[in-house]
Amino acid sequence: MYTMYEALARERTQEQLTLAAQHRLSQQLVQARRWHRLAAFSARRAARSERRLTEELAADYQLVG
C-alpha cells in the first residue's frame, strides 16, 4: 500500500518539477522578448536623435557658411 502512495508522490513531485521548469523557461522567454523590444526601441530613438542632430548641425552650418 505504501509503495503505491510513494509512487504517486514521486510522480506528483516529478510533475511539479517539470511544470516549474516549463514556467521558468517561459518567464525567461518573456524577459528576453521584453529586452529585445526595449533594445530595438532604444536603437530607433538613438538613430532618430542622431538624424535630428545631424540636420540641425547642417542647418547651422548653412546659416554660418
Protein backbone atom coordinates (compact mmCIF):
# COMPACT_ATOMS: atom_id res chain seq x y z
CA MET A 1 0.00 0.00 0.00
CA TYR A 2 2.77 2.40 0.91
CA THR A 3 4.61 1.78 -2.34
CA MET A 4 1.56 2.93 -4.31
CA TYR A 5 1.41 6.19 -2.35
CA GLU A 6 5.17 6.60 -2.66
CA ALA A 7 4.93 6.12 -6.42
CA LEU A 8 2.09 8.63 -6.62
CA ALA A 9 4.07 11.10 -4.50
CA ARG A 10 7.16 10.64 -6.70
CA GLU A 11 5.07 11.10 -9.83
CA ARG A 12 3.47 14.24 -8.42
CA THR A 13 6.87 15.63 -7.38
CA GLN A 14 8.28 14.94 -10.86
CA GLU A 15 5.25 16.63 -12.42
CA GLN A 16 5.72 19.70 -10.22
CA LEU A 17 9.41 19.89 -11.11
CA THR A 18 8.58 19.65 -14.81
CA LEU A 19 5.92 22.37 -14.54
CA ALA A 20 8.30 24.60 -12.59
CA ALA A 21 11.00 24.17 -15.25
CA GLN A 22 8.50 24.99 -18.01
CA HIS A 23 7.37 28.08 -16.10
CA ARG A 24 10.96 29.26 -15.64
CA LEU A 25 11.63 28.77 -19.35
CA SER A 26 8.52 30.69 -20.36
CA GLN A 27 9.45 33.53 -17.99
CA GLN A 28 12.95 33.67 -19.47
CA LEU A 29 11.48 33.87 -22.97
CA VAL A 30 9.15 36.69 -21.90
CA GLN A 31 12.06 38.59 -20.38
CA ALA A 32 14.20 38.10 -23.49
CA ARG A 33 11.37 39.36 -25.70
CA ARG A 34 10.89 42.38 -23.44
CA TRP A 35 14.60 43.24 -23.52
CA HIS A 36 14.67 42.77 -27.30
CA ARG A 37 11.76 45.19 -27.74
CA LEU A 38 13.39 47.70 -25.37
CA ALA A 39 16.72 47.48 -27.21
CA ALA A 40 15.01 47.98 -30.57
CA PHE A 41 13.08 50.98 -29.23
CA SER A 42 16.27 52.45 -27.79
CA ALA A 43 18.14 51.95 -31.07
CA ARG A 44 15.35 53.68 -33.01
CA ARG A 45 15.37 56.60 -30.57
CA ALA A 46 19.15 56.92 -30.83
CA ALA A 47 19.00 56.88 -34.64
CA ARG A 48 16.26 59.49 -34.64
CA SER A 49 18.21 61.71 -32.24
CA GLU A 50 21.36 61.36 -34.33
CA ARG A 51 19.43 62.24 -37.51
CA ARG A 52 17.93 65.34 -35.89
CA LEU A 53 21.29 66.43 -34.54
CA THR A 54 22.86 65.99 -37.98
CA GLU A 55 20.06 68.00 -39.60
CA GLU A 56 20.42 70.77 -37.01
CA LEU A 57 24.19 70.91 -37.49
CA ALA A 58 23.74 71.05 -41.28
CA ALA A 59 21.21 73.87 -40.92
CA ASP A 60 23.53 75.77 -38.57
CA TYR A 61 26.42 75.31 -40.99
CA GLN A 62 24.32 76.64 -43.84
CA LEU A 63 23.40 79.73 -41.79
CA VAL A 64 27.05 80.40 -40.95
CA GLY A 65 28.52 79.45 -44.32
